[in-house]
Amino acid sequence: MANDESEPERVDATRRTYLAAERTYLAWWRTGLTALAVSIGFGKIVPGVANVVRWPYELAGAGYALIGIFFIAYGALRQRAIDRALARGEYVLPDPRLPLFLAVAGVALGLLTLVLVFG
């Protein structure tokens, strides 16, 4: 009897876990699309409306575009890995180098942005 009563809880927990993974995947997409929008603003719009040297802004725009592409691609790969692990009743940790990579990329783009905005 105990197994019959716990079955709905297990199914509900599994459903919640899959939905949480789906929300996380969508967050990777939103972050990627936001970075791509920033890349257009920095790389095309700002140099087009301001009297500035274009290449530094284009470089920053390319950096934001690359990080945006990374977020979307990594999110898709991560979603697949999580789905496979959940189907086996397991969990897969992200690559431990990921936070460091994202921090370095974010700090570099942030510093470049500060230099371009206030330099």
C-alpha atoms as a PDB file:
ATOM      1  CA  MET A   1       0.000   0.000   0.000  1.00  0.00           C
ATOM      2  CA  ALA A   2       2.831   2.416   0.801  1.00  0.00           C
ATOM      3  CA  ASN A   3       4.176   2.075  -2.734  1.00  0.00           C
ATOM      4  CA  ASP A   4       0.764   2.859  -4.218  1.00  0.00           C
ATOM      5  CA  GLU A   5       0.474   6.014  -2.102  1.00  0.00           C
ATOM      6  CA  SER A   6       3.977   7.252  -2.941  1.00  0.00           C
ATOM      7  CA  GLU A   7       3.568   6.739  -6.698  1.00  0.00           C
ATOM      8  CA  PRO A   8       1.627  10.019  -7.263  1.00  0.00           C
ATOM      9  CA  GLU A   9       4.269  11.896  -5.242  1.00  0.00           C
ATOM     10  CA  ARG A  10       7.085  10.387  -7.327  1.00  0.00           C
ATOM     11  CA  VAL A  11       5.314  11.231 -10.577  1.00  0.00           C
ATOM     12  CA  ASP A  12       4.637  14.761  -9.341  1.00  0.00           C
ATOM     13  CA  ALA A  13       8.277  15.213  -8.287  1.00  0.00           C
ATOM     14  CA  THR A  14       9.462  13.958 -11.669  1.00  0.00           C
ATOM     15  CA  ARG A  15       7.106  16.333 -13.464  1.00  0.00           C
ATOM     16  CA  ARG A  16       8.265  19.270 -11.341  1.00  0.00           C
ATOM     17  CA  THR A  17      11.891  18.375 -12.022  1.00  0.00           C
ATOM     18  CA  TYR A  18      11.334  18.246 -15.786  1.00  0.00           C
ATOM     19  CA  LEU A  19       9.445  21.553 -15.694  1.00  0.00           C
ATOM     20  CA  ALA A  20      12.222  23.177 -13.658  1.00  0.00           C
ATOM     21  CA  ALA A  21      14.763  21.955 -16.209  1.00  0.00           C
ATOM     22  CA  GLU A  22      12.602  23.395 -18.973  1.00  0.00           C
ATOM     23  CA  ARG A  23      12.442  26.777 -17.230  1.00  0.00           C
ATOM     24  CA  THR A  24      16.214  26.722 -16.859  1.00  0.00           C
ATOM     25  CA  TYR A  25      16.585  25.972 -20.571  1.00  0.00           C
ATOM     26  CA  LEU A  26      14.338  28.916 -21.394  1.00  0.00           C
ATOM     27  CA  ALA A  27      16.465  31.102 -19.110  1.00  0.00           C
ATOM     28  CA  TRP A  28      19.566  30.137 -21.139  1.00  0.00           C
ATOM     29  CA  TRP A  29      17.636  31.203 -24.261  1.00  0.00           C
ATOM     30  CA  ARG A  30      16.481  34.502 -22.740  1.00  0.00           C
ATOM     31  CA  THR A  31      20.006  35.311 -21.622  1.00  0.00           C
ATOM     32  CA  GLY A  32      21.386  34.419 -25.053  1.00  0.00           C
ATOM     33  CA  LEU A  33      18.808  36.536 -26.872  1.00  0.00           C
ATOM     34  CA  THR A  34      19.490  39.448 -24.525  1.00  0.00           C
ATOM     35  CA  ALA A  35      23.218  39.231 -25.224  1.00  0.00           C
ATOM     36  CA  LEU A  36      22.479  39.145 -28.965  1.00  0.00           C
ATOM     37  CA  ALA A  37      20.305  42.271 -28.629  1.00  0.00           C
ATOM     38  CA  VAL A  38      23.109  44.020 -26.729  1.00  0.00           C
ATOM     39  CA  SER A  39      25.523  42.994 -29.486  1.00  0.00           C
ATOM     40  CA  ILE A  40      23.377  44.748 -32.092  1.00  0.00           C
ATOM     41  CA  GLY A  41      23.151  47.857 -29.947  1.00  0.00           C
ATOM     42  CA  PHE A  42      26.848  48.001 -29.200  1.00  0.00           C
ATOM     43  CA  GLY A  43      28.182  46.778 -32.519  1.00  0.00           C
ATOM     44  CA  LYS A  44      25.847  48.516 -34.969  1.00  0.00           C
ATOM     45  CA  ILE A  45      23.541  51.105 -33.444  1.00  0.00           C
ATOM     46  CA  VAL A  46      25.971  53.032 -31.225  1.00  0.00           C
ATOM     47  CA  PRO A  47      28.664  53.441 -33.918  1.00  0.00           C
ATOM     48  CA  GLY A  48      25.959  54.357 -36.410  1.00  0.00           C
ATOM     49  CA  VAL A  49      24.519  57.221 -34.363  1.00  0.00           C
ATOM     50  CA  ALA A  50      27.591  58.446 -32.473  1.00  0.00           C
ATOM     51  CA  ASN A  51      30.727  60.017 -33.791  1.00  0.00           C
ATOM     52  CA  VAL A  52      33.056  57.279 -32.513  1.00  0.00           C
ATOM     53  CA  VAL A  53      35.707  54.965 -33.863  1.00  0.00           C
ATOM     54  CA  ARG A  54      33.696  51.938 -34.986  1.00  0.00           C
ATOM     55  CA  TRP A  55      36.008  48.984 -34.364  1.00  0.00           C
ATOM     56  CA  PRO A  56      36.021  48.974 -30.538  1.00  0.00           C
ATOM     57  CA  TYR A  57      32.218  48.967 -30.500  1.00  0.00           C
ATOM     58  CA  GLU A  58      32.109  46.284 -33.171  1.00  0.00           C
ATOM     59  CA  LEU A  59      34.562  44.234 -31.100  1.00  0.00           C
ATOM     60  CA  ALA A  60      32.338  44.578 -28.026  1.00  0.00           C
ATOM     61  CA  GLY A  61      29.291  43.726 -30.139  1.00  0.00           C
ATOM     62  CA  ALA A  62      31.033  40.613 -31.433  1.00  0.00           C
ATOM     63  CA  GLY A  63      31.899  39.618 -27.851  1.00  0.00           C
ATOM     64  CA  TYR A  64      28.280  39.960 -26.757  1.00  0.00           C
ATOM     65  CA  ALA A  65      27.155  38.015 -29.836  1.00  0.00           C
ATOM     66  CA  LEU A  66      29.580  35.194 -29.080  1.00  0.00           C
ATOM     67  CA  ILE A  67      28.454  34.957 -25.475  1.00  0.00           C
ATOM     68  CA  GLY A  68      24.819  35.005 -26.643  1.00  0.00           C
ATOM     69  CA  ILE A  69      25.464  32.175 -29.084  1.00  0.00           C
ATOM     70  CA  PHE A  70      27.260  30.279 -26.330  1.00  0.00           C
ATOM     71  CA  PHE A  71      24.305  30.646 -23.940  1.00  0.00           C
ATOM     72  CA  ILE A  72      21.836  29.321 -26.496  1.00  0.00           C
ATOM     73  CA  ALA A  73      24.046  26.422 -27.612  1.00  0.00           C
ATOM     74  CA  TYR A  74      25.110  25.444 -24.091  1.00  0.00           C
ATOM     75  CA  GLY A  75      21.517  25.645 -22.901  1.00  0.00           C
ATOM     76  CA  ALA A  76      20.453  23.165 -25.584  1.00  0.00           C
ATOM     77  CA  LEU A  77      23.294  20.776 -24.743  1.00  0.00           C
ATOM     78  CA  ARG A  78      22.606  21.075 -21.039  1.00  0.00           C
ATOM     79  CA  GLN A  79      18.895  20.430 -21.547  1.00  0.00           C
ATOM     80  CA  ARG A  80      19.628  17.222 -23.443  1.00  0.00           C
ATOM     81  CA  ALA A  81      22.064  16.037 -20.773  1.00  0.00           C
ATOM     82  CA  ILE A  82      19.582  16.763 -17.986  1.00  0.00           C
ATOM     83  CA  ASP A  83      16.734  15.016 -19.807  1.00  0.00           C
ATOM     84  CA  ARG A  84      18.855  11.900 -20.332  1.00  0.00           C
ATOM     85  CA  ALA A  85      20.008  11.896 -16.714  1.00  0.00           C
ATOM     86  CA  LEU A  86      16.487  12.392 -15.362  1.00  0.00           C
ATOM     87  CA  ALA A  87      15.228   9.525 -17.507  1.00  0.00           C
ATOM     88  CA  ARG A  88      17.799   7.329 -15.733  1.00  0.00           C
ATOM     89  CA  GLY A  89      16.821   8.731 -12.336  1.00  0.00           C
ATOM     90  CA  GLU A  90      20.121  10.604 -12.031  1.00  0.00           C
ATOM     91  CA  TYR A  91      21.423  14.142 -12.138  1.00  0.00           C
ATOM     92  CA  VAL A  92      24.314  15.471 -14.161  1.00  0.00           C
ATOM     93  CA  LEU A  93      26.402  18.348 -12.860  1.00  0.00           C
ATOM     94  CA  PRO A  94      27.528  21.077 -15.243  1.00  0.00           C
ATOM     95  CA  ASP A  95      31.174  21.294 -16.178  1.00  0.00           C
ATOM     96  CA  PRO A  96      32.895  22.881 -13.158  1.00  0.00           C
ATOM     97  CA  ARG A  97      34.856  25.202 -15.487  1.00  0.00           C
ATOM     98  CA  LEU A  98      31.635  26.836 -16.697  1.00  0.00           C
ATOM     99  CA  PRO A  99      31.221  29.390 -13.865  1.00  0.00           C
ATOM    100  CA  LEU A 100      34.832  30.502 -14.259  1.00  0.00           C
ATOM    101  CA  PHE A 101      34.473  30.827 -18.039  1.00  0.00           C
ATOM    102  CA  LEU A 102      31.262  32.854 -17.712  1.00  0.00           C
ATOM    103  CA  ALA A 103      32.765  35.047 -14.991  1.00  0.00           C
ATOM    104  CA  VAL A 104      35.880  35.795 -17.063  1.00  0.00           C
ATOM    105  CA  ALA A 105      33.826  36.490 -20.194  1.00  0.00           C
ATOM    106  CA  GLY A 106      31.384  38.677 -18.256  1.00  0.00           C
ATOM    107  CA  VAL A 107      34.108  40.657 -16.517  1.00  0.00           C
ATOM    108  CA  ALA A 108      35.991  41.162 -19.800  1.00  0.00           C
ATOM    109  CA  LEU A 109      32.869  42.369 -21.612  1.00  0.00           C
ATOM    110  CA  GLY A 110      31.908  44.513 -18.626  1.00  0.00           C
ATOM    111  CA  LEU A 111      35.324  46.178 -18.505  1.00  0.00           C
ATOM    112  CA  LEU A 112      35.293  46.765 -22.260  1.00  0.00           C
ATOM    113  CA  THR A 113      31.835  48.275 -21.922  1.00  0.00           C
ATOM    114  CA  LEU A 114      33.017  50.592 -19.121  1.00  0.00           C
ATOM    115  CA  VAL A 115      35.992  51.721 -21.183  1.00  0.00           C
ATOM    116  CA  LEU A 116      33.803  52.426 -24.209  1.00  0.00           C
ATOM    117  CA  VAL A 117      31.073  54.210 -22.272  1.00  0.00           C
ATOM    118  CA  PHE A 118      33.302  56.284 -19.989  1.00  0.00           C
ATOM    119  CA  GLY A 119      36.610  56.292 -21.881  1.00  0.00           C
END
